[in-house]
C-alpha atoms as a PDB file:
ATOM      1  CA  MET A   1      -4.753  16.974  -6.962  1.00  0.00           C
ATOM      2  CA  THR A   2      -7.845  14.826  -7.444  1.00  0.00           C
ATOM      3  CA  GLY A   3      -8.724  11.945  -5.141  1.00  0.00           C
ATOM      4  CA  LYS A   4      -7.636   9.456  -7.829  1.00  0.00           C
ATOM      5  CA  GLU A   5      -4.287  11.214  -8.257  1.00  0.00           C
ATOM      6  CA  ARG A   6      -3.747  11.342  -4.502  1.00  0.00           C
ATOM      7  CA  ARG A   7      -4.510   7.616  -4.191  1.00  0.00           C
ATOM      8  CA  GLU A   8      -2.025   6.800  -6.964  1.00  0.00           C
ATOM      9  CA  GLN A   9       0.615   9.012  -5.328  1.00  0.00           C
ATOM     10  CA  LEU A  10       0.179   7.205  -2.008  1.00  0.00           C
ATOM     11  CA  ILE A  11       0.451   3.813  -3.727  1.00  0.00           C
ATOM     12  CA  GLN A  12       3.715   4.762  -5.458  1.00  0.00           C
ATOM     13  CA  ILE A  13       5.221   6.235  -2.280  1.00  0.00           C
ATOM     14  CA  SER A  14       4.181   3.192  -0.240  1.00  0.00           C
ATOM     15  CA  ARG A  15       5.584   0.865  -2.910  1.00  0.00           C
ATOM     16  CA  ALA A  16       9.007   2.512  -2.653  1.00  0.00           C
ATOM     17  CA  LEU A  17       8.977   2.437   1.158  1.00  0.00           C
ATOM     18  CA  PHE A  18       7.830  -1.197   1.351  1.00  0.00           C
ATOM     19  CA  ALA A  19      10.541  -2.188  -1.112  1.00  0.00           C
ATOM     20  CA  GLU A  20      13.205  -0.409   0.951  1.00  0.00           C
ATOM     21  CA  LYS A  21      12.075  -1.216   4.490  1.00  0.00           C
ATOM     22  CA  GLY A  22       9.525  -4.008   4.268  1.00  0.00           C
ATOM     23  CA  PHE A  23       6.038  -4.026   5.747  1.00  0.00           C
ATOM     24  CA  ASP A  24       7.050  -3.921   9.409  1.00  0.00           C
ATOM     25  CA  GLY A  25       9.695  -1.254   8.833  1.00  0.00           C
ATOM     26  CA  THR A  26       7.245   1.148   7.176  1.00  0.00           C
ATOM     27  CA  SER A  27       4.755   3.236   9.148  1.00  0.00           C
ATOM     28  CA  ILE A  28       1.651   5.198   8.238  1.00  0.00           C
ATOM     29  CA  GLU A  29       3.391   8.295   9.632  1.00  0.00           C
ATOM     30  CA  GLU A  30       6.260   7.841   7.166  1.00  0.00           C
ATOM     31  CA  ILE A  31       3.924   7.301   4.223  1.00  0.00           C
ATOM     32  CA  ALA A  32       1.933  10.421   5.123  1.00  0.00           C
ATOM     33  CA  ALA A  33       5.044  12.518   5.740  1.00  0.00           C
ATOM     34  CA  THR A  34       6.610  11.514   2.415  1.00  0.00           C
ATOM     35  CA  ALA A  35       3.376  12.398   0.597  1.00  0.00           C
ATOM     36  CA  GLN A  36       3.097  15.608   2.668  1.00  0.00           C
ATOM     37  CA  VAL A  37      -0.400  14.776   3.840  1.00  0.00           C
ATOM     38  CA  SER A  38      -1.919  13.982   7.210  1.00  0.00           C
ATOM     39  CA  LYS A  39      -2.402  10.409   8.440  1.00  0.00           C
ATOM     40  CA  PRO A  40      -6.215  10.632   8.111  1.00  0.00           C
ATOM     41  CA  VAL A  41      -5.772  11.075   4.335  1.00  0.00           C
ATOM     42  CA  VAL A  42      -4.013   7.681   4.131  1.00  0.00           C
ATOM     43  CA  TYR A  43      -6.674   6.090   6.344  1.00  0.00           C
ATOM     44  CA  GLU A  44      -9.410   7.609   4.188  1.00  0.00           C
ATOM     45  CA  HIS A  45      -8.045   5.990   1.020  1.00  0.00           C
ATOM     46  CA  PHE A  46      -6.883   2.603   2.347  1.00  0.00           C
ATOM     47  CA  GLY A  47      -8.086   2.139   5.927  1.00  0.00           C
ATOM     48  CA  GLY A  48      -4.525   1.660   7.190  1.00  0.00           C
ATOM     49  CA  LYS A  49      -1.073   0.320   6.312  1.00  0.00           C
ATOM     50  CA  GLU A  50      -2.441  -3.168   5.660  1.00  0.00           C
ATOM     51  CA  GLY A  51      -4.822  -1.786   3.043  1.00  0.00           C
ATOM     52  CA  VAL A  52      -2.238   0.057   0.994  1.00  0.00           C
ATOM     53  CA  TYR A  53       0.173  -2.891   1.283  1.00  0.00           C
ATOM     54  CA  ALA A  54      -2.465  -5.270  -0.077  1.00  0.00           C
ATOM     55  CA  VAL A  55      -3.090  -2.960  -3.050  1.00  0.00           C
ATOM     56  CA  VAL A  56       0.633  -2.690  -3.807  1.00  0.00           C
ATOM     57  CA  VAL A  57       1.181  -6.464  -3.637  1.00  0.00           C
ATOM     58  CA  ASP A  58      -1.910  -7.262  -5.700  1.00  0.00           C
ATOM     59  CA  ARG A  59      -0.763  -4.868  -8.425  1.00  0.00           C
ATOM     60  CA  GLU A  60       2.669  -6.447  -8.602  1.00  0.00           C
ATOM     61  CA  MET A  61       1.281  -9.972  -8.677  1.00  0.00           C
ATOM     62  CA  GLN A  62      -1.169  -9.134 -11.465  1.00  0.00           C
ATOM     63  CA  LYS A  63       1.542  -7.397 -13.475  1.00  0.00           C
ATOM     64  CA  LEU A  64       3.942 -10.346 -13.248  1.00  0.00           C
ATOM     65  CA  LEU A  65       1.231 -12.947 -13.853  1.00  0.00           C
ATOM     66  CA  GLY A  66       0.078 -10.993 -16.901  1.00  0.00           C
ATOM     67  CA  MET A  67       3.584 -10.998 -18.365  1.00  0.00           C
ATOM     68  CA  ILE A  68       4.046 -14.724 -17.703  1.00  0.00           C
ATOM     69  CA  THR A  69       0.612 -15.580 -19.137  1.00  0.00           C
ATOM     70  CA  GLU A  70       1.393 -13.631 -22.297  1.00  0.00           C
ATOM     71  CA  ALA A  71       4.703 -15.486 -22.641  1.00  0.00           C
ATOM     72  CA  LEU A  72       3.025 -18.882 -22.331  1.00  0.00           C
ATOM     73  CA  ALA A  73       0.766 -18.120 -25.286  1.00  0.00           C
ATOM     74  CA  ALA A  74       3.507 -19.155 -27.723  1.00  0.00           C
ATOM     75  CA  SER A  75       2.984 -22.296 -29.793  1.00  0.00           C
ATOM     76  CA  HIS A  76       6.253 -24.178 -29.222  1.00  0.00           C
ATOM     77  CA  SER A  77       7.236 -25.346 -25.734  1.00  0.00           C
ATOM     78  CA  LEU A  78      10.823 -24.146 -26.088  1.00  0.00           C
ATOM     79  CA  ILE A  79       9.681 -20.653 -27.046  1.00  0.00           C
ATOM     80  CA  LYS A  80       7.190 -20.668 -24.186  1.00  0.00           C
ATOM     81  CA  LEU A  81      10.000 -21.450 -21.774  1.00  0.00           C
ATOM     82  CA  GLU A  82      12.282 -18.786 -23.246  1.00  0.00           C
ATOM     83  CA  ARG A  83       9.632 -16.092 -23.172  1.00  0.00           C
ATOM     84  CA  ALA A  84       8.511 -16.981 -19.645  1.00  0.00           C
ATOM     85  CA  ALA A  85      12.092 -16.767 -18.352  1.00  0.00           C
ATOM     86  CA  LEU A  86      12.603 -13.464 -20.162  1.00  0.00           C
ATOM     87  CA  ALA A  87       9.274 -12.145 -18.839  1.00  0.00           C
ATOM     88  CA  LEU A  88      10.325 -12.770 -15.245  1.00  0.00           C
ATOM     89  CA  LEU A  89      13.745 -11.188 -15.762  1.00  0.00           C
ATOM     90  CA  ARG A  90      12.193  -8.238 -17.590  1.00  0.00           C
ATOM     91  CA  TYR A  91       9.776  -7.713 -14.713  1.00  0.00           C
ATOM     92  CA  ILE A  92      12.688  -7.799 -12.244  1.00  0.00           C
ATOM     93  CA  GLU A  93      14.620  -5.305 -14.365  1.00  0.00           C
ATOM     94  CA  GLU A  94      11.742  -2.878 -14.864  1.00  0.00           C
ATOM     95  CA  SER A  95       9.972  -3.355 -11.516  1.00  0.00           C
ATOM     96  CA  SER A  96      12.781  -4.040  -9.064  1.00  0.00           C
ATOM     97  CA  GLU A  97      10.883  -2.427  -6.179  1.00  0.00           C
ATOM     98  CA  GLY A  98       7.834  -4.570  -6.863  1.00  0.00           C
ATOM     99  CA  PHE A  99       9.866  -7.782  -7.013  1.00  0.00           C
ATOM    100  CA  ARG A 100      11.638  -6.897  -3.746  1.00  0.00           C
ATOM    101  CA  ILE A 101       8.247  -6.535  -2.103  1.00  0.00           C
ATOM    102  CA  LEU A 102       7.040  -9.893  -3.433  1.00  0.00           C
ATOM    103  CA  VAL A 103      10.125 -11.854  -2.349  1.00  0.00           C
ATOM    104  CA  ARG A 104      10.807  -9.896   0.852  1.00  0.00           C
ATOM    105  CA  ASP A 105       7.504 -10.105   2.669  1.00  0.00           C
ATOM    106  CA  SER A 106       4.985 -12.829   3.311  1.00  0.00           C
ATOM    107  CA  HIS A 107       2.850 -10.701   5.576  1.00  0.00           C
ATOM    108  CA  ALA A 108      -0.741 -11.685   6.311  1.00  0.00           C
ATOM    109  CA  ALA A 109      -1.838  -8.179   5.259  1.00  0.00           C
ATOM    110  CA  SER A 110      -1.123  -9.069   1.658  1.00  0.00           C
ATOM    111  CA  GLY A 111      -4.084 -11.458   1.527  1.00  0.00           C
ATOM    112  CA  THR A 112      -3.239 -13.496  -1.563  1.00  0.00           C
ATOM    113  CA  GLY A 113       0.085 -11.727  -1.912  1.00  0.00           C
ATOM    114  CA  THR A 114       2.864 -14.093  -0.937  1.00  0.00           C
ATOM    115  CA  PHE A 115       5.692 -15.074  -3.219  1.00  0.00           C
ATOM    116  CA  ALA A 116       4.958 -18.747  -2.600  1.00  0.00           C
ATOM    117  CA  SER A 117       1.353 -18.327  -3.748  1.00  0.00           C
ATOM    118  CA  LEU A 118       2.536 -16.402  -6.805  1.00  0.00           C
ATOM    119  CA  ILE A 119       4.996 -19.155  -7.739  1.00  0.00           C
ATOM    120  CA  SER A 120       2.281 -21.776  -7.256  1.00  0.00           C
ATOM    121  CA  GLU A 121      -0.043 -19.852  -9.565  1.00  0.00           C
ATOM    122  CA  ILE A 122       2.634 -19.646 -12.274  1.00  0.00           C
ATOM    123  CA  ALA A 123       3.432 -23.338 -11.792  1.00  0.00           C
ATOM    124  CA  ARG A 124      -0.231 -24.221 -12.365  1.00  0.00           C
ATOM    125  CA  GLN A 125      -0.073 -22.448 -15.713  1.00  0.00           C
ATOM    126  CA  VAL A 126       3.158 -24.253 -16.622  1.00  0.00           C
ATOM    127  CA  GLU A 127       1.612 -27.654 -15.788  1.00  0.00           C
ATOM    128  CA  ASP A 128      -0.254 -27.727 -19.100  1.00  0.00           C
ATOM    129  CA  VAL A 129       2.936 -27.016 -21.010  1.00  0.00           C
ATOM    130  CA  MET A 130       4.751 -29.785 -19.150  1.00  0.00           C
ATOM    131  CA  ALA A 131       1.871 -32.239 -19.588  1.00  0.00           C
ATOM    132  CA  ASP A 132       1.777 -31.720 -23.365  1.00  0.00           C
ATOM    133  CA  GLU A 133       5.553 -32.114 -23.600  1.00  0.00           C
ATOM    134  CA  PHE A 134       5.497 -35.266 -21.458  1.00  0.00           C
ATOM    135  CA  ALA A 135       2.705 -36.806 -23.518  1.00  0.00           C
ATOM    136  CA  GLY A 136       4.608 -36.171 -26.731  1.00  0.00           C
ATOM    137  CA  ARG A 137       7.747 -37.790 -25.342  1.00  0.00           C
ATOM    138  CA  GLY A 138       6.087 -40.815 -23.750  1.00  0.00           C
ATOM    139  CA  TYR A 139       6.429 -39.657 -20.096  1.00  0.00           C
ATOM    140  CA  ASP A 140       3.664 -39.859 -17.502  1.00  0.00           C
ATOM    141  CA  PRO A 141       1.645 -36.564 -17.680  1.00  0.00           C
ATOM    142  CA  LYS A 142       0.684 -37.048 -14.016  1.00  0.00           C
ATOM    143  CA  LEU A 143       4.236 -35.982 -13.133  1.00  0.00           C
ATOM    144  CA  ALA A 144       3.735 -32.599 -14.824  1.00  0.00           C
ATOM    145  CA  PRO A 145       2.700 -30.696 -11.629  1.00  0.00           C
ATOM    146  CA  MET A 146       5.868 -31.789  -9.809  1.00  0.00           C
ATOM    147  CA  TYR A 147       8.117 -30.879 -12.734  1.00  0.00           C
ATOM    148  CA  ALA A 148       6.294 -27.557 -13.111  1.00  0.00           C
ATOM    149  CA  GLN A 149       7.145 -26.698  -9.490  1.00  0.00           C
ATOM    150  CA  MET A 150      10.773 -27.674 -10.107  1.00  0.00           C
ATOM    151  CA  LEU A 151      11.030 -25.577 -13.260  1.00  0.00           C
ATOM    152  CA  VAL A 152       9.327 -22.474 -11.886  1.00  0.00           C
ATOM    153  CA  GLY A 153      11.256 -22.727  -8.624  1.00  0.00           C
ATOM    154  CA  MET A 154      14.540 -22.827 -10.527  1.00  0.00           C
ATOM    155  CA  VAL A 155      13.606 -19.750 -12.557  1.00  0.00           C
ATOM    156  CA  ALA A 156      12.283 -17.855  -9.524  1.00  0.00           C
ATOM    157  CA  LEU A 157      15.389 -18.485  -7.417  1.00  0.00           C
ATOM    158  CA  THR A 158      17.590 -17.438 -10.296  1.00  0.00           C
ATOM    159  CA  GLY A 159      15.529 -14.259 -10.530  1.00  0.00           C
ATOM    160  CA  GLN A 160      16.065 -13.529  -6.844  1.00  0.00           C
ATOM    161  CA  TRP A 161      19.815 -13.941  -7.304  1.00  0.00           C
ATOM    162  CA  TRP A 162      19.840 -11.763 -10.449  1.00  0.00           C
ATOM    163  CA  LEU A 163      17.876  -9.011  -8.697  1.00  0.00           C
ATOM    164  CA  ASP A 164      21.066  -7.821  -7.001  1.00  0.00           C
ATOM    165  CA  VAL A 165      23.901  -8.973  -9.274  1.00  0.00           C
ATOM    166  CA  ARG A 166      22.379  -7.979 -12.664  1.00  0.00           C
ATOM    167  CA  LYS A 167      25.193  -9.751 -14.512  1.00  0.00           C
ATOM    168  CA  PRO A 168      25.120 -11.164 -17.099  1.00  0.00           C
ATOM    169  CA  GLY A 169      22.285  -9.473 -19.010  1.00  0.00           C
ATOM    170  CA  ARG A 170      18.745 -10.789 -18.842  1.00  0.00           C
ATOM    171  CA  GLU A 171      18.782 -12.404 -22.292  1.00  0.00           C
ATOM    172  CA  GLU A 172      21.966 -14.315 -21.491  1.00  0.00           C
ATOM    173  CA  VAL A 173      20.621 -15.427 -18.120  1.00  0.00           C
ATOM    174  CA  ALA A 174      17.391 -16.582 -19.786  1.00  0.00           C
ATOM    175  CA  ALA A 175      19.372 -18.499 -22.374  1.00  0.00           C
ATOM    176  CA  HIS A 176      21.315 -20.384 -19.705  1.00  0.00           C
ATOM    177  CA  LEU A 177      18.144 -21.081 -17.728  1.00  0.00           C
ATOM    178  CA  VAL A 178      16.492 -22.575 -20.777  1.00  0.00           C
ATOM    179  CA  ASN A 179      19.703 -24.461 -21.614  1.00  0.00           C
ATOM    180  CA  LEU A 180      19.613 -26.252 -18.259  1.00  0.00           C
ATOM    181  CA  ALA A 181      15.823 -26.772 -18.238  1.00  0.00           C
ATOM    182  CA  TRP A 182      15.545 -27.924 -21.876  1.00  0.00           C
ATOM    183  CA  ASN A 183      18.785 -29.824 -22.415  1.00  0.00           C
ATOM    184  CA  GLY A 184      19.586 -31.051 -18.893  1.00  0.00           C
ATOM    185  CA  LEU A 185      23.050 -31.323 -17.365  1.00  0.00           C
ATOM    186  CA  THR A 186      24.153 -34.061 -19.748  1.00  0.00           C
ATOM    187  CA  GLY A 187      23.156 -32.133 -22.860  1.00  0.00           C
ATOM    188  CA  LEU A 188      24.164 -28.570 -21.998  1.00  0.00           C
ATOM    189  CA  ASN A 189      24.949 -26.296 -24.922  1.00  0.00           C
ATOM    190  CA  PRO A 190      28.283 -24.525 -24.254  1.00  0.00           C
ATOM    191  CA  THR A 191      27.077 -21.372 -26.053  1.00  0.00           C
ATOM    192  CA  PRO A 192      23.315 -21.102 -25.501  1.00  0.00           C
ATOM    193  CA  GLY A 193      21.252 -18.308 -27.004  1.00  0.00           C
ATOM    194  CA  ILE A 194      17.659 -17.166 -27.264  1.00  0.00           C
ATOM    195  CA  THR A 195      15.816 -18.121 -30.454  1.00  0.00           C
ATOM    196  CA  ALA A 196      15.013 -15.420 -33.003  1.00  0.00           C
ATOM    197  CA  ALA A 197      11.271 -15.963 -32.487  1.00  0.00           C
ATOM    198  CA  THR A 198      11.629 -14.977 -28.834  1.00  0.00           C
ATOM    199  CA  ARG A 199      14.110 -12.152 -29.398  1.00  0.00           C
ATOM    200  CA  THR A 200      11.827 -10.367 -31.859  1.00  0.00           C
ATOM    201  CA  HIS A 201       8.625 -10.931 -29.895  1.00  0.00           C
ATOM    202  CA  PRO A 202       6.858  -7.620 -29.052  1.00  0.00           C
ATOM    203  CA  ALA A 203       6.898  -8.376 -25.329  1.00  0.00           C
ATOM    204  CA  ALA A 204      10.694  -8.561 -25.374  1.00  0.00           C
ATOM    205  CA  THR A 205      11.167  -5.320 -27.284  1.00  0.00           C
ATOM    206  CA  ARG A 206       8.342  -3.235 -25.876  1.00  0.00           C
ATOM    207  CA  PRO A 207       9.825   0.031 -24.557  1.00  0.00           C
ATOM    208  CA  LEU A 208       9.643   1.022 -20.932  1.00  0.00           C
ATOM    209  CA  PRO A 209       6.851   3.421 -20.008  1.00  0.00           C
ATOM    210  CA  PRO A 210       8.029   7.032 -20.355  1.00  0.00           C
ATOM    211  CA  ARG A 211       9.021   8.948 -17.241  1.00  0.00           C
ATOM    212  CA  PRO A 212       6.991  12.076 -16.450  1.00  0.00           C
ATOM    213  CA  SER A 213       8.298  15.155 -18.225  1.00  0.00           C
ATOM    214  CA  ASP A 214       9.707  18.138 -16.333  1.00  0.00           C
ATOM    215  CA  LYS A 215       6.534  20.031 -17.190  1.00  0.00           C
ATOM    216  CA  GLU A 216       4.337  17.266 -15.758  1.00  0.00           C
ATOM    217  CA  LEU A 217       6.478  17.120 -12.616  1.00  0.00           C
ATOM    218  CA  ARG A 218       6.216  20.903 -12.194  1.00  0.00           C
ATOM    219  CA  GLU A 219       2.451  20.757 -12.659  1.00  0.00           C
ATOM    220  CA  LEU A 220       2.232  17.968 -10.105  1.00  0.00           C
ATOM    221  CA  GLU A 221       4.341  19.991  -7.681  1.00  0.00           C
ATOM    222  CA  ARG A 222       2.178  23.094  -8.203  1.00  0.00           C
ATOM    223  CA  ALA A 223      -0.953  21.038  -7.643  1.00  0.00           C
ATOM    224  CA  ARG A 224       0.526  19.635  -4.442  1.00  0.00           C
ATOM    225  CA  GLU A 225       1.504  23.118  -3.225  1.00  0.00           C
ATOM    226  CA  LYS A 226      -1.986  24.400  -4.022  1.00  0.00           C
ATOM    227  CA  GLU A 227      -3.552  21.520  -2.149  1.00  0.00           C
ATOM    228  CA  LEU A 228      -1.272  22.131   0.853  1.00  0.00           C
ATOM    229  CA  LYS A 229      -2.204  25.826   0.891  1.00  0.00           C
ATOM    230  CA  GLU A 230      -5.892  24.983   0.708  1.00  0.00           C
ATOM    231  CA  ALA A 231      -5.435  22.490   3.521  1.00  0.00           C
ATOM    232  CA  GLU A 232      -3.652  25.132   5.609  1.00  0.00           C
ATOM    233  CA  LYS A 233      -6.454  27.627   4.965  1.00  0.00           C
ATOM    234  CA  ALA A 234      -9.059  25.040   5.902  1.00  0.00           C
ATOM    235  CA  ARG A 235      -7.121  24.248   9.065  1.00  0.00           C
ATOM    236  CA  ALA A 236      -6.886  27.965   9.914  1.00  0.00           C
ATOM    237  CA  ARG A 237     -10.641  28.325   9.447  1.00  0.00           C
ATOM    238  CA  GLU A 238     -11.250  25.318  11.663  1.00  0.00           C
ATOM    239  CA  LEU A 239      -8.996  26.781  14.370  1.00  0.00           C
ATOM    240  CA  LYS A 240     -10.749  30.159  14.106  1.00  0.00           C
ATOM    241  CA  GLU A 241     -14.162  28.546  14.382  1.00  0.00           C
ATOM    242  CA  ALA A 242     -12.984  26.462  17.310  1.00  0.00           C
ATOM    243  CA  GLU A 243     -11.660  29.606  19.045  1.00  0.00           C
ATOM    244  CA  LYS A 244     -14.971  31.374  18.526  1.00  0.00           C
ATOM    245  CA  ALA A 245     -16.803  28.366  19.896  1.00  0.00           C
ATOM    246  CA  ARG A 246     -14.553  28.374  22.992  1.00  0.00           C
ATOM    247  CA  GLU A 247     -15.185  32.099  23.480  1.00  0.00           C
ATOM    248  CA  ARG A 248     -18.943  31.569  23.223  1.00  0.00           C
ATOM    249  CA  GLU A 249     -18.704  28.707  25.679  1.00  0.00           C
ATOM    250  CA  LEU A 250     -16.703  30.844  28.147  1.00  0.00           C
ATOM    251  CA  LYS A 251     -19.187  33.708  27.887  1.00  0.00           C
ATOM    252  CA  GLU A 252     -22.082  31.331  28.427  1.00  0.00           C
ATOM    253  CA  ARG A 253     -20.308  29.829  31.418  1.00  0.00           C
ATOM    254  CA  GLU A 254     -19.636  33.311  32.859  1.00  0.00           C
ATOM    255  CA  ARG A 255     -23.307  34.230  32.355  1.00  0.00           C
ATOM    256  CA  GLN A 256     -24.383  31.072  34.142  1.00  0.00           C
ATOM    257  CA  VAL A 257     -21.980  31.865  37.008  1.00  0.00           C
ATOM    258  CA  ARG A 258     -23.405  35.401  37.310  1.00  0.00           C
ATOM    259  CA  GLU A 259     -26.952  34.075  37.290  1.00  0.00           C
ATOM    260  CA  ALA A 260     -26.080  31.529  39.950  1.00  0.00           C
ATOM    261  CA  GLU A 261     -24.442  34.261  42.036  1.00  0.00           C
ATOM    262  CA  LYS A 262     -27.560  36.433  41.755  1.00  0.00           C
ATOM    263  CA  VAL A 263     -29.713  33.512  42.842  1.00  0.00           C
ATOM    264  CA  ARG A 264     -27.449  32.932  45.853  1.00  0.00           C
ATOM    265  CA  GLU A 265     -27.606  36.636  46.754  1.00  0.00           C
ATOM    266  CA  ARG A 266     -31.427  36.640  46.579  1.00  0.00           C
ATOM    267  CA  GLU A 267     -31.562  33.503  48.677  1.00  0.00           C
ATOM    268  CA  GLU A 268     -29.192  35.066  51.208  1.00  0.00           C
ATOM    269  CA  ARG A 269     -31.299  38.255  51.449  1.00  0.00           C
ATOM    270  CA  LEU A 270     -34.434  36.168  51.831  1.00  0.00           C
ATOM    271  CA  ARG A 271     -32.778  34.118  54.578  1.00  0.00           C
ATOM    272  CA  GLN A 272     -31.659  37.255  56.403  1.00  0.00           C
ATOM    273  CA  ARG A 273     -35.169  38.739  56.149  1.00  0.00           C
ATOM    274  CA  GLU A 274     -36.704  35.564  57.482  1.00  0.00           C
ATOM    275  CA  ALA A 275     -34.196  35.579  60.337  1.00  0.00           C
ATOM    276  CA  LYS A 276     -35.114  39.190  61.260  1.00  0.00           C
ATOM    277  CA  LEU A 277     -38.798  38.377  61.139  1.00  0.00           C
ATOM    278  CA  ALA A 278     -38.253  35.386  63.364  1.00  0.00           C
ATOM    279  CA  GLU A 279     -36.209  37.495  65.790  1.00  0.00           C
ATOM    280  CA  ARG A 280     -38.924  40.172  65.914  1.00  0.00           C
ATOM    281  CA  ALA A 281     -41.624  37.577  66.481  1.00  0.00           C
ATOM    282  CA  ALA A 282     -39.588  36.134  69.351  1.00  0.00           C
ATOM    283  CA  LYS A 283     -39.262  39.561  70.983  1.00  0.00           C
ATOM    284  CA  LEU A 284     -43.003  40.200  70.707  1.00  0.00           C
ATOM    285  CA  ALA A 285     -43.676  36.831  72.275  1.00  0.00           C
ATOM    286  CA  ASP A 286     -41.369  37.666  75.212  1.00  0.00           C
ATOM    287  CA  GLN A 287     -43.136  40.988  75.750  1.00  0.00           C
ATOM    288  CA  ASP A 288     -46.537  39.328  75.865  1.00  0.00           C
ATOM    289  CA  GLN A 289     -45.341  36.842  78.430  1.00  0.00           C
ATOM    290  CA  SER A 290     -43.857  39.584  80.687  1.00  0.00           C
ATOM    291  CA  GLU A 291     -47.147  41.539  80.692  1.00  0.00           C
END
């Protein structure tokens, strides 16, 4: 597995864990264990849990913003609103884990990645739509930012609710959202529906990305097994080299001990010789005095 493939694997594993357990409930140990790598591998790619979390959140934000921006490129305001609502619901349907991460955590590690900041960014894009609509209807365009926050907040909260219930379908939910936003409570349509222009738009019908084939999964598994074996061999070599180094160190220490012992023995013999010489000199001195 290449470094790029390993990085992508760690991102996908972390994404699933963050979605299930949140930032605080996920540990580097768990990420590494799930990927069957050591913790230093995760640190090498991302510097820590905060790093991989920031990458995951940034990806999800850019993906959702891209879908919303594409939806707002329509010409008519009603179609813009329909496509934007459908884009959010489609993102929730296709990227449930990513949406759970965005709405679940507002951790400082995400940098720009909080759901509130994401909603504010979408609202800023909707302001222009609201301002044009207000100007055409004789309303004060200065109120557009406030109404944009109201509109986006309504759609976002509905998305959070739909994340778990998933009923009715996304197109029906979008139709009712637009019904309330476009017609208001006093003008609700009892049987709302999405316009044909929105239903046939490529973004609404684009197929989901294909899942990896069994062959690709087997190849990925073989590559992972090969990498694990190579890592085990490298670890065994490191242990062998470390053992040899310890043996060399022990031998060197034993040699130094023997040398020190020899020095002590020489010093002891020299001391004993000096003591004998001193004793003999003392005896000779006594003899001279007695004569």
